[in-house]
Amino acid sequence: MMRLVAMAVLIAAAGLSAFSCATVPAQTEPLAPGEMRLLKIEVPPGDLYGNIVQVFDILFEADGHPAVRRACFYWSGDGPYCSSVKRVSYGSPGTIQVELRPNPPSTRAYGTYKLEGYVEYIRDGKPARTNVVDVYISVILK
């Protein structure tokens, strides 16, 4: 009888461990040759005031050192608004610095907005776009 209980517990544990593995998110695909993949947008610390230029960091991973042309953004779906990059630092992860004026269109008061961004770069001698990353930010208008 004790052996039967032990066997049942062992089978139950094996079953639970199999199901728990299914909930672990899948690994990200490996980078293709020359590919650049955005990881996230980092918002500057402190309050973000509209019409005041702020430096935003975009973290990325890349195969090699792709030439970054510009970064483009959507403010809660409105855009794209593109700008040149201030600086690119390659590493693990790499960082792209972009000067942005947090002034979503049609805003007249404080609000929270979804900022989506992608980067245009050169891959194998041809223009390419990265994936899109997003972040919610609160903007205070003066």
C-alpha atoms as a PDB file:
ATOM      1  CA  MET A   1       0.000   0.000   0.000  1.00  0.00           C
ATOM      2  CA  MET A   2       2.824   2.412   0.887  1.00  0.00           C
ATOM      3  CA  ARG A   3       4.488   1.639  -2.427  1.00  0.00           C
ATOM      4  CA  LEU A   4       1.253   2.490  -4.290  1.00  0.00           C
ATOM      5  CA  VAL A   5       0.968   5.874  -2.500  1.00  0.00           C
ATOM      6  CA  ALA A   6       4.619   6.675  -3.237  1.00  0.00           C
ATOM      7  CA  MET A   7       4.111   5.788  -6.910  1.00  0.00           C
ATOM      8  CA  ALA A   8       0.988   8.018  -7.091  1.00  0.00           C
ATOM      9  CA  VAL A   9       2.880  10.963  -5.549  1.00  0.00           C
ATOM     10  CA  LEU A  10       5.766  10.468  -7.976  1.00  0.00           C
ATOM     11  CA  ILE A  11       3.434  10.385 -10.990  1.00  0.00           C
ATOM     12  CA  ALA A  12       1.589  13.490  -9.771  1.00  0.00           C
ATOM     13  CA  ALA A  13       4.880  15.366  -9.285  1.00  0.00           C
ATOM     14  CA  ALA A  14       6.053  14.384 -12.760  1.00  0.00           C
ATOM     15  CA  GLY A  15       2.759  15.565 -14.247  1.00  0.00           C
ATOM     16  CA  LEU A  16       2.885  18.912 -12.453  1.00  0.00           C
ATOM     17  CA  SER A  17       6.458  19.540 -13.500  1.00  0.00           C
ATOM     18  CA  ALA A  18       5.535  18.861 -17.132  1.00  0.00           C
ATOM     19  CA  PHE A  19       2.693  21.408 -16.953  1.00  0.00           C
ATOM     20  CA  SER A  20       4.840  24.014 -15.206  1.00  0.00           C
ATOM     21  CA  CYS A  21       7.383  23.847 -18.032  1.00  0.00           C
ATOM     22  CA  ALA A  22       4.623  24.702 -20.482  1.00  0.00           C
ATOM     23  CA  THR A  23       4.077  28.064 -18.756  1.00  0.00           C
ATOM     24  CA  VAL A  24       7.684  29.217 -19.195  1.00  0.00           C
ATOM     25  CA  PRO A  25       7.875  31.718 -22.093  1.00  0.00           C
ATOM     26  CA  ALA A  26       9.682  30.499 -25.182  1.00  0.00           C
ATOM     27  CA  GLN A  27      13.183  31.797 -25.815  1.00  0.00           C
ATOM     28  CA  THR A  28      13.531  34.634 -28.296  1.00  0.00           C
ATOM     29  CA  GLU A  29      14.649  33.557 -31.734  1.00  0.00           C
ATOM     30  CA  PRO A  30      18.377  33.967 -32.364  1.00  0.00           C
ATOM     31  CA  LEU A  31      19.342  37.059 -34.320  1.00  0.00           C
ATOM     32  CA  ALA A  32      19.607  36.635 -38.067  1.00  0.00           C
ATOM     33  CA  PRO A  33      22.812  37.870 -39.748  1.00  0.00           C
ATOM     34  CA  GLY A  34      22.903  41.686 -39.638  1.00  0.00           C
ATOM     35  CA  GLU A  35      19.663  41.912 -37.632  1.00  0.00           C
ATOM     36  CA  MET A  36      18.964  44.549 -34.990  1.00  0.00           C
ATOM     37  CA  ARG A  37      16.274  43.926 -32.346  1.00  0.00           C
ATOM     38  CA  LEU A  38      14.923  46.514 -29.925  1.00  0.00           C
ATOM     39  CA  LEU A  39      14.469  45.448 -26.306  1.00  0.00           C
ATOM     40  CA  LYS A  40      12.823  48.455 -24.646  1.00  0.00           C
ATOM     41  CA  ILE A  41      12.553  52.223 -24.382  1.00  0.00           C
ATOM     42  CA  GLU A  42      13.876  53.736 -21.160  1.00  0.00           C
ATOM     43  CA  VAL A  43      12.126  56.906 -20.047  1.00  0.00           C
ATOM     44  CA  PRO A  44      14.227  59.654 -18.415  1.00  0.00           C
ATOM     45  CA  PRO A  45      13.761  59.849 -14.645  1.00  0.00           C
ATOM     46  CA  GLY A  46      11.587  62.577 -13.169  1.00  0.00           C
ATOM     47  CA  ASP A  47       8.716  64.541 -14.648  1.00  0.00           C
ATOM     48  CA  LEU A  48       8.368  64.783 -18.419  1.00  0.00           C
ATOM     49  CA  TYR A  49       7.253  68.214 -19.524  1.00  0.00           C
ATOM     50  CA  GLY A  50       5.852  68.810 -22.985  1.00  0.00           C
ATOM     51  CA  ASN A  51       7.908  71.041 -25.267  1.00  0.00           C
ATOM     52  CA  ILE A  52      11.136  70.354 -23.334  1.00  0.00           C
ATOM     53  CA  VAL A  53      13.620  68.105 -25.102  1.00  0.00           C
ATOM     54  CA  GLN A  54      14.528  64.950 -23.150  1.00  0.00           C
ATOM     55  CA  VAL A  55      17.011  62.174 -23.958  1.00  0.00           C
ATOM     56  CA  PHE A  56      15.414  58.725 -24.226  1.00  0.00           C
ATOM     57  CA  ASP A  57      17.447  55.505 -24.356  1.00  0.00           C
ATOM     58  CA  ILE A  58      16.451  52.613 -26.594  1.00  0.00           C
ATOM     59  CA  LEU A  59      18.084  49.312 -25.644  1.00  0.00           C
ATOM     60  CA  PHE A  60      18.853  46.844 -28.423  1.00  0.00           C
ATOM     61  CA  GLU A  61      20.752  43.744 -29.417  1.00  0.00           C
ATOM     62  CA  ALA A  62      22.364  43.330 -32.806  1.00  0.00           C
ATOM     63  CA  ASP A  63      24.410  41.034 -34.952  1.00  0.00           C
ATOM     64  CA  GLY A  64      27.444  43.210 -35.623  1.00  0.00           C
ATOM     65  CA  HIS A  65      27.366  47.019 -35.639  1.00  0.00           C
ATOM     66  CA  PRO A  66      24.533  48.095 -37.944  1.00  0.00           C
ATOM     67  CA  ALA A  67      24.453  51.707 -39.141  1.00  0.00           C
ATOM     68  CA  VAL A  68      21.484  53.375 -37.450  1.00  0.00           C
ATOM     69  CA  ARG A  69      19.766  55.983 -39.632  1.00  0.00           C
ATOM     70  CA  ARG A  70      16.939  57.349 -37.472  1.00  0.00           C
ATOM     71  CA  ALA A  71      14.358  56.497 -34.820  1.00  0.00           C
ATOM     72  CA  CYS A  72      10.614  56.862 -35.385  1.00  0.00           C
ATOM     73  CA  PHE A  73       7.835  57.152 -32.824  1.00  0.00           C
ATOM     74  CA  TYR A  74       4.065  57.021 -32.550  1.00  0.00           C
ATOM     75  CA  TRP A  75       2.256  58.889 -29.758  1.00  0.00           C
ATOM     76  CA  SER A  76      -0.828  56.828 -28.889  1.00  0.00           C
ATOM     77  CA  GLY A  77      -1.117  55.812 -32.539  1.00  0.00           C
ATOM     78  CA  ASP A  78      -0.386  59.218 -34.097  1.00  0.00           C
ATOM     79  CA  GLY A  79       2.734  59.409 -36.233  1.00  0.00           C
ATOM     80  CA  PRO A  80       5.298  58.396 -37.195  1.00  0.00           C
ATOM     81  CA  TYR A  81       7.511  61.220 -36.002  1.00  0.00           C
ATOM     82  CA  CYS A  82      11.125  60.488 -36.920  1.00  0.00           C
ATOM     83  CA  SER A  83      14.361  62.024 -35.695  1.00  0.00           C
ATOM     84  CA  SER A  84      18.067  61.440 -36.016  1.00  0.00           C
ATOM     85  CA  VAL A  85      19.836  59.611 -33.222  1.00  0.00           C
ATOM     86  CA  LYS A  86      22.151  61.407 -30.832  1.00  0.00           C
ATOM     87  CA  ARG A  87      24.447  58.479 -30.045  1.00  0.00           C
ATOM     88  CA  VAL A  88      24.750  54.713 -30.573  1.00  0.00           C
ATOM     89  CA  SER A  89      26.698  52.570 -28.111  1.00  0.00           C
ATOM     90  CA  TYR A  90      27.241  48.963 -29.114  1.00  0.00           C
ATOM     91  CA  GLY A  91      27.357  46.395 -26.347  1.00  0.00           C
ATOM     92  CA  SER A  92      25.226  43.852 -24.597  1.00  0.00           C
ATOM     93  CA  PRO A  93      22.740  45.429 -24.675  1.00  0.00           C
ATOM     94  CA  GLY A  94      23.476  48.362 -26.930  1.00  0.00           C
ATOM     95  CA  THR A  95      21.960  51.801 -26.401  1.00  0.00           C
ATOM     96  CA  ILE A  96      20.582  54.326 -28.863  1.00  0.00           C
ATOM     97  CA  GLN A  97      20.085  57.827 -27.475  1.00  0.00           C
ATOM     98  CA  VAL A  98      17.385  59.954 -29.054  1.00  0.00           C
ATOM     99  CA  GLU A  99      16.320  63.487 -28.200  1.00  0.00           C
ATOM    100  CA  LEU A 100      12.545  63.650 -28.007  1.00  0.00           C
ATOM    101  CA  ARG A 101      10.167  66.452 -27.207  1.00  0.00           C
ATOM    102  CA  PRO A 102       7.387  64.742 -25.230  1.00  0.00           C
ATOM    103  CA  ASN A 103       4.582  66.660 -26.859  1.00  0.00           C
ATOM    104  CA  PRO A 104       1.943  64.246 -28.097  1.00  0.00           C
ATOM    105  CA  PRO A 105      -0.272  65.805 -30.760  1.00  0.00           C
ATOM    106  CA  SER A 106      -3.622  67.265 -29.712  1.00  0.00           C
ATOM    107  CA  THR A 107      -2.662  67.460 -26.046  1.00  0.00           C
ATOM    108  CA  ARG A 108      -3.705  70.403 -23.915  1.00  0.00           C
ATOM    109  CA  ALA A 109      -3.290  68.934 -20.444  1.00  0.00           C
ATOM    110  CA  TYR A 110      -1.517  66.319 -18.371  1.00  0.00           C
ATOM    111  CA  GLY A 111      -1.954  62.780 -19.662  1.00  0.00           C
ATOM    112  CA  THR A 112      -0.557  59.301 -20.070  1.00  0.00           C
ATOM    113  CA  TYR A 113       0.377  58.299 -23.595  1.00  0.00           C
ATOM    114  CA  LYS A 114       1.648  55.193 -25.310  1.00  0.00           C
ATOM    115  CA  LEU A 115       4.996  55.862 -26.962  1.00  0.00           C
ATOM    116  CA  GLU A 116       5.870  53.274 -29.622  1.00  0.00           C
ATOM    117  CA  GLY A 117       9.191  53.293 -31.416  1.00  0.00           C
ATOM    118  CA  TYR A 118      11.223  51.552 -34.069  1.00  0.00           C
ATOM    119  CA  VAL A 119      14.624  52.186 -35.616  1.00  0.00           C
ATOM    120  CA  GLU A 120      15.627  52.364 -39.268  1.00  0.00           C
ATOM    121  CA  TYR A 121      19.062  50.936 -40.014  1.00  0.00           C
ATOM    122  CA  ILE A 122      21.164  49.497 -42.824  1.00  0.00           C
ATOM    123  CA  ARG A 123      21.218  45.696 -43.136  1.00  0.00           C
ATOM    124  CA  ASP A 124      23.234  44.072 -45.911  1.00  0.00           C
ATOM    125  CA  GLY A 125      23.454  47.435 -47.687  1.00  0.00           C
ATOM    126  CA  LYS A 126      19.671  47.926 -47.703  1.00  0.00           C
ATOM    127  CA  PRO A 127      17.322  49.947 -45.466  1.00  0.00           C
ATOM    128  CA  ALA A 128      15.626  47.870 -42.749  1.00  0.00           C
ATOM    129  CA  ARG A 129      13.309  48.422 -39.774  1.00  0.00           C
ATOM    130  CA  THR A 130      13.491  46.906 -36.336  1.00  0.00           C
ATOM    131  CA  ASN A 131      10.638  45.527 -34.311  1.00  0.00           C
ATOM    132  CA  VAL A 132       8.440  47.991 -32.397  1.00  0.00           C
ATOM    133  CA  VAL A 133       8.763  48.524 -28.631  1.00  0.00           C
ATOM    134  CA  ASP A 134       6.494  50.643 -26.475  1.00  0.00           C
ATOM    135  CA  VAL A 135       6.202  52.303 -23.102  1.00  0.00           C
ATOM    136  CA  TYR A 136       3.531  54.355 -21.353  1.00  0.00           C
ATOM    137  CA  ILE A 137       4.632  57.817 -20.247  1.00  0.00           C
ATOM    138  CA  SER A 138       2.987  60.635 -18.348  1.00  0.00           C
ATOM    139  CA  VAL A 139       3.440  64.117 -19.800  1.00  0.00           C
ATOM    140  CA  ILE A 140       2.887  67.392 -17.985  1.00  0.00           C
ATOM    141  CA  LEU A 141       2.232  70.415 -20.183  1.00  0.00           C
ATOM    142  CA  LYS A 142       3.394  73.808 -18.941  1.00  0.00           C
END
